[in-house]
Amino acid sequence: MLTKTVTVINEEGLHMRPAGELAKAVAAHKDSTVMLKANGKDIKAKAVMQIMAAGMKKGTEVEIIVDGGNEQAVLDEIAGMFENGFGE
């Protein structure tokens, strides 16, 4: 299991589009489980509604937890999405 803490940099926080992109990227890694911890909540990263319900606004610290196959590659990809503001 690997973890990394990132910060939401999107002006609008994790709204529907970045939440959907995140869930889609996580779902593509079927041999890994990705969880997020933010605002005191444990969030399944492939569940768009859980991501949205967590209310991750700009400046929110998010811990990414990856367990399973290719942990480092999956962690780097997901962390990179946060660090690049999901292309916004």
PDB file of N, CA and C in Angstrom:
ATOM      1  N   MET A   1       0.849  -1.177   0.000  1.00  0.00           N
ATOM      2  CA  MET A   1       0.000   0.000   0.000  1.00  0.00           C
ATOM      3  C   MET A   1       0.896   1.241   0.000  1.00  0.00           C
ATOM      4  N   LEU A   2       0.562   2.181  -0.890  1.00  0.00           N
ATOM      5  CA  LEU A   2       1.287   3.441  -0.985  1.00  0.00           C
ATOM      6  C   LEU A   2       0.328   4.599  -0.764  1.00  0.00           C
ATOM      7  N   THR A   3       0.832   5.690  -0.194  1.00  0.00           N
ATOM      8  CA  THR A   3      -0.007   6.865   0.023  1.00  0.00           C
ATOM      9  C   THR A   3       0.746   8.129  -0.379  1.00  0.00           C
ATOM     10  N   LYS A   4      -0.008   9.142  -0.704  1.00  0.00           N
ATOM     11  CA  LYS A   4       0.556  10.464  -0.991  1.00  0.00           C
ATOM     12  C   LYS A   4      -0.521  11.487  -0.693  1.00  0.00           C
ATOM     13  N   THR A   5      -0.117  12.619  -0.127  1.00  0.00           N
ATOM     14  CA  THR A   5      -1.059  13.700   0.148  1.00  0.00           C
ATOM     15  C   THR A   5      -0.883  14.782  -0.903  1.00  0.00           C
ATOM     16  N   VAL A   6      -2.000  15.201  -1.488  1.00  0.00           N
ATOM     17  CA  VAL A   6      -2.021  16.251  -2.503  1.00  0.00           C
ATOM     18  C   VAL A   6      -3.022  17.313  -2.064  1.00  0.00           C
ATOM     19  N   THR A   7      -3.003  18.446  -2.744  1.00  0.00           N
ATOM     20  CA  THR A   7      -3.928  19.536  -2.439  1.00  0.00           C
ATOM     21  C   THR A   7      -4.749  19.848  -3.687  1.00  0.00           C
ATOM     22  N   VAL A   8      -6.043  20.038  -3.494  1.00  0.00           N
ATOM     23  CA  VAL A   8      -6.926  20.411  -4.600  1.00  0.00           C
ATOM     24  C   VAL A   8      -6.574  21.840  -5.009  1.00  0.00           C
ATOM     25  N   ILE A   9      -6.215  22.035  -6.293  1.00  0.00           N
ATOM     26  CA  ILE A   9      -5.833  23.361  -6.770  1.00  0.00           C
ATOM     27  C   ILE A   9      -6.897  23.982  -7.682  1.00  0.00           C
ATOM     28  N   ASN A  10      -7.906  23.218  -8.048  1.00  0.00           N
ATOM     29  CA  ASN A  10      -8.953  23.723  -8.936  1.00  0.00           C
ATOM     30  C   ASN A  10      -9.747  24.826  -8.236  1.00  0.00           C
ATOM     31  N   GLU A  11      -9.979  25.920  -8.937  1.00  0.00           N
ATOM     32  CA  GLU A  11     -10.739  27.046  -8.382  1.00  0.00           C
ATOM     33  C   GLU A  11     -12.121  26.608  -7.899  1.00  0.00           C
ATOM     34  N   GLU A  12     -12.760  25.725  -8.639  1.00  0.00           N
ATOM     35  CA  GLU A  12     -14.114  25.258  -8.300  1.00  0.00           C
ATOM     36  C   GLU A  12     -14.100  23.978  -7.467  1.00  0.00           C
ATOM     37  N   GLY A  13     -12.926  23.538  -7.017  1.00  0.00           N
ATOM     38  CA  GLY A  13     -12.837  22.295  -6.271  1.00  0.00           C
ATOM     39  C   GLY A  13     -13.078  21.092  -7.181  1.00  0.00           C
ATOM     40  N   LEU A  14     -13.382  19.950  -6.592  1.00  0.00           N
ATOM     41  CA  LEU A  14     -13.643  18.748  -7.382  1.00  0.00           C
ATOM     42  C   LEU A  14     -15.123  18.673  -7.723  1.00  0.00           C
ATOM     43  N   HIS A  15     -15.494  19.388  -8.776  1.00  0.00           N
ATOM     44  CA  HIS A  15     -16.874  19.367  -9.251  1.00  0.00           C
ATOM     45  C   HIS A  15     -17.059  18.166 -10.178  1.00  0.00           C
ATOM     46  N   MET A  16     -18.157  18.101 -10.887  1.00  0.00           N
ATOM     47  CA  MET A  16     -18.541  16.909 -11.642  1.00  0.00           C
ATOM     48  C   MET A  16     -17.507  16.470 -12.679  1.00  0.00           C
ATOM     49  N   ARG A  17     -16.957  17.373 -13.469  1.00  0.00           N
ATOM     50  CA  ARG A  17     -16.034  16.955 -14.523  1.00  0.00           C
ATOM     51  C   ARG A  17     -14.755  16.329 -13.966  1.00  0.00           C
ATOM     52  N   PRO A  18     -14.019  16.993 -13.057  1.00  0.00           N
ATOM     53  CA  PRO A  18     -12.827  16.332 -12.530  1.00  0.00           C
ATOM     54  C   PRO A  18     -13.154  15.081 -11.718  1.00  0.00           C
ATOM     55  N   ALA A  19     -14.274  15.076 -11.017  1.00  0.00           N
ATOM     56  CA  ALA A  19     -14.666  13.876 -10.264  1.00  0.00           C
ATOM     57  C   ALA A  19     -14.885  12.712 -11.221  1.00  0.00           C
ATOM     58  N   GLY A  20     -15.524  12.976 -12.350  1.00  0.00           N
ATOM     59  CA  GLY A  20     -15.752  11.940 -13.358  1.00  0.00           C
ATOM     60  C   GLY A  20     -14.457  11.448 -13.973  1.00  0.00           C
ATOM     61  N   GLU A  21     -13.542  12.369 -14.266  1.00  0.00           N
ATOM     62  CA  GLU A  21     -12.239  11.981 -14.816  1.00  0.00           C
ATOM     63  C   GLU A  21     -11.472  11.109 -13.825  1.00  0.00           C
ATOM     64  N   LEU A  22     -11.510  11.493 -12.558  1.00  0.00           N
ATOM     65  CA  LEU A  22     -10.828  10.730 -11.525  1.00  0.00           C
ATOM     66  C   LEU A  22     -11.403   9.324 -11.425  1.00  0.00           C
ATOM     67  N   ALA A  23     -12.730   9.211 -11.352  1.00  0.00           N
ATOM     68  CA  ALA A  23     -13.377   7.904 -11.239  1.00  0.00           C
ATOM     69  C   ALA A  23     -13.074   7.033 -12.454  1.00  0.00           C
ATOM     70  N   LYS A  24     -13.061   7.621 -13.639  1.00  0.00           N
ATOM     71  CA  LYS A  24     -12.772   6.873 -14.868  1.00  0.00           C
ATOM     72  C   LYS A  24     -11.333   6.355 -14.860  1.00  0.00           C
ATOM     73  N   ALA A  25     -10.392   7.193 -14.443  1.00  0.00           N
ATOM     74  CA  ALA A  25      -8.984   6.781 -14.384  1.00  0.00           C
ATOM     75  C   ALA A  25      -8.783   5.650 -13.386  1.00  0.00           C
ATOM     76  N   VAL A  26      -9.440   5.754 -12.238  1.00  0.00           N
ATOM     77  CA  VAL A  26      -9.313   4.717 -11.209  1.00  0.00           C
ATOM     78  C   VAL A  26      -9.935   3.409 -11.696  1.00  0.00           C
ATOM     79  N   ALA A  27     -11.094   3.485 -12.336  1.00  0.00           N
ATOM     80  CA  ALA A  27     -11.784   2.284 -12.823  1.00  0.00           C
ATOM     81  C   ALA A  27     -10.953   1.534 -13.859  1.00  0.00           C
ATOM     82  N   ALA A  28     -10.074   2.238 -14.567  1.00  0.00           N
ATOM     83  CA  ALA A  28      -9.230   1.603 -15.583  1.00  0.00           C
ATOM     84  C   ALA A  28      -8.180   0.681 -14.957  1.00  0.00           C
ATOM     85  N   HIS A  29      -7.910   0.853 -13.674  1.00  0.00           N
ATOM     86  CA  HIS A  29      -6.918   0.026 -12.971  1.00  0.00           C
ATOM     87  C   HIS A  29      -7.653  -1.014 -12.128  1.00  0.00           C
ATOM     88  N   LYS A  30      -8.131  -2.039 -12.780  1.00  0.00           N
ATOM     89  CA  LYS A  30      -8.973  -3.038 -12.124  1.00  0.00           C
ATOM     90  C   LYS A  30      -8.250  -3.851 -11.053  1.00  0.00           C
ATOM     91  N   ASP A  31      -6.913  -3.910 -11.116  1.00  0.00           N
ATOM     92  CA  ASP A  31      -6.153  -4.689 -10.133  1.00  0.00           C
ATOM     93  C   ASP A  31      -5.704  -3.855  -8.937  1.00  0.00           C
ATOM     94  N   SER A  32      -6.172  -2.603  -8.869  1.00  0.00           N
ATOM     95  CA  SER A  32      -5.817  -1.732  -7.747  1.00  0.00           C
ATOM     96  C   SER A  32      -7.071  -1.161  -7.095  1.00  0.00           C
ATOM     97  N   THR A  33      -6.957  -0.927  -5.796  1.00  0.00           N
ATOM     98  CA  THR A  33      -8.003  -0.236  -5.057  1.00  0.00           C
ATOM     99  C   THR A  33      -7.461   1.138  -4.700  1.00  0.00           C
ATOM    100  N   VAL A  34      -8.231   2.184  -5.022  1.00  0.00           N
ATOM    101  CA  VAL A  34      -7.802   3.543  -4.718  1.00  0.00           C
ATOM    102  C   VAL A  34      -8.837   4.175  -3.808  1.00  0.00           C
ATOM    103  N   MET A  35      -8.381   4.650  -2.661  1.00  0.00           N
ATOM    104  CA  MET A  35      -9.231   5.350  -1.703  1.00  0.00           C
ATOM    105  C   MET A  35      -8.664   6.751  -1.507  1.00  0.00           C
ATOM    106  N   LEU A  36      -9.543   7.666  -1.176  1.00  0.00           N
ATOM    107  CA  LEU A  36      -9.143   9.025  -0.845  1.00  0.00           C
ATOM    108  C   LEU A  36      -9.598   9.319   0.577  1.00  0.00           C
ATOM    109  N   LYS A  37      -8.826  10.124   1.291  1.00  0.00           N
ATOM    110  CA  LYS A  37      -9.243  10.604   2.608  1.00  0.00           C
ATOM    111  C   LYS A  37      -9.202  12.124   2.559  1.00  0.00           C
ATOM    112  N   ALA A  38     -10.364  12.723   2.804  1.00  0.00           N
ATOM    113  CA  ALA A  38     -10.456  14.181   2.791  1.00  0.00           C
ATOM    114  C   ALA A  38     -11.634  14.606   3.650  1.00  0.00           C
ATOM    115  N   ASN A  39     -11.485  15.716   4.332  1.00  0.00           N
ATOM    116  CA  ASN A  39     -12.560  16.255   5.176  1.00  0.00           C
ATOM    117  C   ASN A  39     -13.114  15.210   6.140  1.00  0.00           C
ATOM    118  N   GLY A  40     -12.233  14.346   6.652  1.00  0.00           N
ATOM    119  CA  GLY A  40     -12.651  13.333   7.615  1.00  0.00           C
ATOM    120  C   GLY A  40     -13.442  12.188   7.020  1.00  0.00           C
ATOM    121  N   LYS A  41     -13.439  12.059   5.689  1.00  0.00           N
ATOM    122  CA  LYS A  41     -14.215  11.007   5.032  1.00  0.00           C
ATOM    123  C   LYS A  41     -13.297  10.064   4.282  1.00  0.00           C
ATOM    124  N   ASP A  42     -13.695   8.784   4.236  1.00  0.00           N
ATOM    125  CA  ASP A  42     -13.040   7.792   3.392  1.00  0.00           C
ATOM    126  C   ASP A  42     -13.869   7.687   2.120  1.00  0.00           C
ATOM    127  N   ILE A  43     -13.227   7.858   0.975  1.00  0.00           N
ATOM    128  CA  ILE A  43     -13.935   7.961  -0.294  1.00  0.00           C
ATOM    129  C   ILE A  43     -13.415   6.913  -1.265  1.00  0.00           C
ATOM    130  N   LYS A  44     -14.317   6.142  -1.866  1.00  0.00           N
ATOM    131  CA  LYS A  44     -13.933   5.227  -2.936  1.00  0.00           C
ATOM    132  C   LYS A  44     -13.712   6.076  -4.178  1.00  0.00           C
ATOM    133  N   ALA A  45     -12.491   6.053  -4.706  1.00  0.00           N
ATOM    134  CA  ALA A  45     -12.143   6.959  -5.792  1.00  0.00           C
ATOM    135  C   ALA A  45     -12.790   6.599  -7.122  1.00  0.00           C
ATOM    136  N   LYS A  46     -13.431   5.441  -7.214  1.00  0.00           N
ATOM    137  CA  LYS A  46     -14.125   5.127  -8.467  1.00  0.00           C
ATOM    138  C   LYS A  46     -15.619   5.435  -8.375  1.00  0.00           C
ATOM    139  N   ALA A  47     -16.056   6.040  -7.273  1.00  0.00           N
ATOM    140  CA  ALA A  47     -17.467   6.368  -7.061  1.00  0.00           C
ATOM    141  C   ALA A  47     -17.659   7.888  -7.172  1.00  0.00           C
ATOM    142  N   VAL A  48     -18.140   8.337  -8.329  1.00  0.00           N
ATOM    143  CA  VAL A  48     -18.295   9.770  -8.586  1.00  0.00           C
ATOM    144  C   VAL A  48     -19.115  10.448  -7.499  1.00  0.00           C
ATOM    145  N   MET A  49     -20.199   9.835  -7.094  1.00  0.00           N
ATOM    146  CA  MET A  49     -21.070  10.463  -6.091  1.00  0.00           C
ATOM    147  C   MET A  49     -20.368  10.612  -4.741  1.00  0.00           C
ATOM    148  N   GLN A  50     -19.527   9.640  -4.371  1.00  0.00           N
ATOM    149  CA  GLN A  50     -18.775   9.764  -3.112  1.00  0.00           C
ATOM    150  C   GLN A  50     -17.750  10.897  -3.216  1.00  0.00           C
ATOM    151  N   ILE A  51     -17.114  11.016  -4.387  1.00  0.00           N
ATOM    152  CA  ILE A  51     -16.144  12.093  -4.583  1.00  0.00           C
ATOM    153  C   ILE A  51     -16.850  13.441  -4.456  1.00  0.00           C
ATOM    154  N   MET A  52     -17.993  13.564  -5.114  1.00  0.00           N
ATOM    155  CA  MET A  52     -18.753  14.821  -5.067  1.00  0.00           C
ATOM    156  C   MET A  52     -19.240  15.123  -3.641  1.00  0.00           C
ATOM    157  N   ALA A  53     -19.721  14.099  -2.949  1.00  0.00           N
ATOM    158  CA  ALA A  53     -20.285  14.269  -1.609  1.00  0.00           C
ATOM    159  C   ALA A  53     -19.227  14.684  -0.583  1.00  0.00           C
ATOM    160  N   ALA A  54     -17.956  14.426  -0.886  1.00  0.00           N
ATOM    161  CA  ALA A  54     -16.892  14.766   0.063  1.00  0.00           C
ATOM    162  C   ALA A  54     -16.648  16.273   0.137  1.00  0.00           C
ATOM    163  N   GLY A  55     -17.158  17.025  -0.831  1.00  0.00           N
ATOM    164  CA  GLY A  55     -17.035  18.484  -0.783  1.00  0.00           C
ATOM    165  C   GLY A  55     -15.609  18.984  -0.793  1.00  0.00           C
ATOM    166  N   MET A  56     -14.790  18.442  -1.686  1.00  0.00           N
ATOM    167  CA  MET A  56     -13.385  18.852  -1.748  1.00  0.00           C
ATOM    168  C   MET A  56     -13.256  20.166  -2.512  1.00  0.00           C
ATOM    169  N   LYS A  57     -13.040  21.228  -1.774  1.00  0.00           N
ATOM    170  CA  LYS A  57     -12.909  22.570  -2.344  1.00  0.00           C
ATOM    171  C   LYS A  57     -11.432  22.899  -2.559  1.00  0.00           C
ATOM    172  N   LYS A  58     -11.180  24.004  -3.228  1.00  0.00           N
ATOM    173  CA  LYS A  58      -9.793  24.431  -3.437  1.00  0.00           C
ATOM    174  C   LYS A  58      -9.092  24.539  -2.084  1.00  0.00           C
ATOM    175  N   GLY A  59      -7.875  23.983  -2.015  1.00  0.00           N
ATOM    176  CA  GLY A  59      -7.090  24.018  -0.790  1.00  0.00           C
ATOM    177  C   GLY A  59      -7.267  22.796   0.100  1.00  0.00           C
ATOM    178  N   THR A  60      -8.214  21.928  -0.217  1.00  0.00           N
ATOM    179  CA  THR A  60      -8.436  20.719   0.581  1.00  0.00           C
ATOM    180  C   THR A  60      -7.278  19.758   0.401  1.00  0.00           C
ATOM    181  N   GLU A  61      -6.745  19.262   1.510  1.00  0.00           N
ATOM    182  CA  GLU A  61      -5.708  18.229   1.436  1.00  0.00           C
ATOM    183  C   GLU A  61      -6.386  16.876   1.302  1.00  0.00           C
ATOM    184  N   VAL A  62      -5.872  16.080   0.361  1.00  0.00           N
ATOM    185  CA  VAL A  62      -6.446  14.777   0.054  1.00  0.00           C
ATOM    186  C   VAL A  62      -5.342  13.732   0.132  1.00  0.00           C
ATOM    187  N   GLU A  63      -5.569  12.697   0.926  1.00  0.00           N
ATOM    188  CA  GLU A  63      -4.629  11.583   0.972  1.00  0.00           C
ATOM    189  C   GLU A  63      -5.097  10.526  -0.014  1.00  0.00           C
ATOM    190  N   ILE A  64      -4.216  10.161  -0.935  1.00  0.00           N
ATOM    191  CA  ILE A  64      -4.494   9.112  -1.916  1.00  0.00           C
ATOM    192  C   ILE A  64      -3.877   7.826  -1.382  1.00  0.00           C
ATOM    193  N   ILE A  65      -4.658   6.750  -1.349  1.00  0.00           N
ATOM    194  CA  ILE A  65      -4.184   5.456  -0.860  1.00  0.00           C
ATOM    195  C   ILE A  65      -4.400   4.434  -1.970  1.00  0.00           C
ATOM    196  N   VAL A  66      -3.320   3.800  -2.411  1.00  0.00           N
ATOM    197  CA  VAL A  66      -3.396   2.821  -3.488  1.00  0.00           C
ATOM    198  C   VAL A  66      -2.923   1.473  -2.966  1.00  0.00           C
ATOM    199  N   ASP A  67      -3.713   0.437  -3.227  1.00  0.00           N
ATOM    200  CA  ASP A  67      -3.377  -0.918  -2.811  1.00  0.00           C
ATOM    201  C   ASP A  67      -3.636  -1.849  -3.993  1.00  0.00           C
ATOM    202  N   GLY A  68      -2.680  -2.712  -4.300  1.00  0.00           N
ATOM    203  CA  GLY A  68      -2.870  -3.664  -5.389  1.00  0.00           C
ATOM    204  C   GLY A  68      -1.737  -3.594  -6.396  1.00  0.00           C
ATOM    205  N   GLY A  69      -2.051  -4.001  -7.633  1.00  0.00           N
ATOM    206  CA  GLY A  69      -1.035  -4.051  -8.685  1.00  0.00           C
ATOM    207  C   GLY A  69      -0.607  -2.677  -9.161  1.00  0.00           C
ATOM    208  N   ASN A  70       0.666  -2.582  -9.551  1.00  0.00           N
ATOM    209  CA  ASN A  70       1.233  -1.331 -10.091  1.00  0.00           C
ATOM    210  C   ASN A  70       0.961  -0.122  -9.192  1.00  0.00           C
ATOM    211  N   GLU A  71       1.117  -0.302  -7.900  1.00  0.00           N
ATOM    212  CA  GLU A  71       0.779   0.762  -6.954  1.00  0.00           C
ATOM    213  C   GLU A  71       1.446   2.087  -7.284  1.00  0.00           C
ATOM    214  N   GLN A  72       2.756   2.064  -7.557  1.00  0.00           N
ATOM    215  CA  GLN A  72       3.477   3.310  -7.789  1.00  0.00           C
ATOM    216  C   GLN A  72       2.974   4.016  -9.042  1.00  0.00           C
ATOM    217  N   ALA A  73       2.759   3.274 -10.114  1.00  0.00           N
ATOM    218  CA  ALA A  73       2.283   3.879 -11.363  1.00  0.00           C
ATOM    219  C   ALA A  73       0.887   4.471 -11.185  1.00  0.00           C
ATOM    220  N   VAL A  74       0.023   3.761 -10.488  1.00  0.00           N
ATOM    221  CA  VAL A  74      -1.342   4.251 -10.254  1.00  0.00           C
ATOM    222  C   VAL A  74      -1.295   5.490  -9.374  1.00  0.00           C
ATOM    223  N   LEU A  75      -0.507   5.450  -8.308  1.00  0.00           N
ATOM    224  CA  LEU A  75      -0.382   6.608  -7.411  1.00  0.00           C
ATOM    225  C   LEU A  75       0.146   7.819  -8.170  1.00  0.00           C
ATOM    226  N   ASP A  76       1.163   7.616  -8.995  1.00  0.00           N
ATOM    227  CA  ASP A  76       1.732   8.727  -9.770  1.00  0.00           C
ATOM    228  C   ASP A  76       0.691   9.317 -10.721  1.00  0.00           C
ATOM    229  N   GLU A  77      -0.088   8.458 -11.370  1.00  0.00           N
ATOM    230  CA  GLU A  77      -1.114   8.945 -12.310  1.00  0.00           C
ATOM    231  C   GLU A  77      -2.180   9.773 -11.594  1.00  0.00           C
ATOM    232  N   ILE A  78      -2.705   9.239 -10.483  1.00  0.00           N
ATOM    233  CA  ILE A  78      -3.780   9.932  -9.761  1.00  0.00           C
ATOM    234  C   ILE A  78      -3.256  11.222  -9.134  1.00  0.00           C
ATOM    235  N   ALA A  79      -2.080  11.168  -8.521  1.00  0.00           N
ATOM    236  CA  ALA A  79      -1.492  12.375  -7.932  1.00  0.00           C
ATOM    237  C   ALA A  79      -1.239  13.425  -9.011  1.00  0.00           C
ATOM    238  N   GLY A  80      -0.788  12.989 -10.166  1.00  0.00           N
ATOM    239  CA  GLY A  80      -0.541  13.896 -11.276  1.00  0.00           C
ATOM    240  C   GLY A  80      -1.800  14.609 -11.726  1.00  0.00           C
ATOM    241  N   MET A  81      -2.927  13.904 -11.699  1.00  0.00           N
ATOM    242  CA  MET A  81      -4.201  14.522 -12.069  1.00  0.00           C
ATOM    243  C   MET A  81      -4.527  15.679 -11.121  1.00  0.00           C
ATOM    244  N   PHE A  82      -4.350  15.445  -9.820  1.00  0.00           N
ATOM    245  CA  PHE A  82      -4.593  16.501  -8.833  1.00  0.00           C
ATOM    246  C   PHE A  82      -3.607  17.654  -9.042  1.00  0.00           C
ATOM    247  N   GLU A  83      -2.333  17.321  -9.231  1.00  0.00           N
ATOM    248  CA  GLU A  83      -1.286  18.344  -9.340  1.00  0.00           C
ATOM    249  C   GLU A  83      -1.454  19.191 -10.605  1.00  0.00           C
ATOM    250  N   ASN A  84      -2.056  18.620 -11.649  1.00  0.00           N
ATOM    251  CA  ASN A  84      -2.284  19.363 -12.896  1.00  0.00           C
ATOM    252  C   ASN A  84      -3.664  19.991 -12.941  1.00  0.00           C
ATOM    253  N   GLY A  85      -4.384  19.958 -11.842  1.00  0.00           N
ATOM    254  CA  GLY A  85      -5.703  20.579 -11.781  1.00  0.00           C
ATOM    255  C   GLY A  85      -6.713  19.949 -12.728  1.00  0.00           C
ATOM    256  N   PHE A  86      -6.499  18.682 -13.052  1.00  0.00           N
ATOM    257  CA  PHE A  86      -7.407  17.946 -13.947  1.00  0.00           C
ATOM    258  C   PHE A  86      -7.565  18.666 -15.281  1.00  0.00           C
ATOM    259  N   GLY A  87      -6.489  19.363 -15.705  1.00  0.00           N
ATOM    260  CA  GLY A  87      -6.486  20.028 -17.004  1.00  0.00           C
ATOM    261  C   GLY A  87      -7.304  21.304 -17.083  1.00  0.00           C
ATOM    262  N   GLU A  88      -7.715  21.817 -15.953  1.00  0.00           N
ATOM    263  CA  GLU A  88      -8.513  23.052 -15.972  1.00  0.00           C
ATOM    264  C   GLU A  88      -7.636  24.281 -15.871  1.00  0.00           C
TER     265      GLU A  88
END
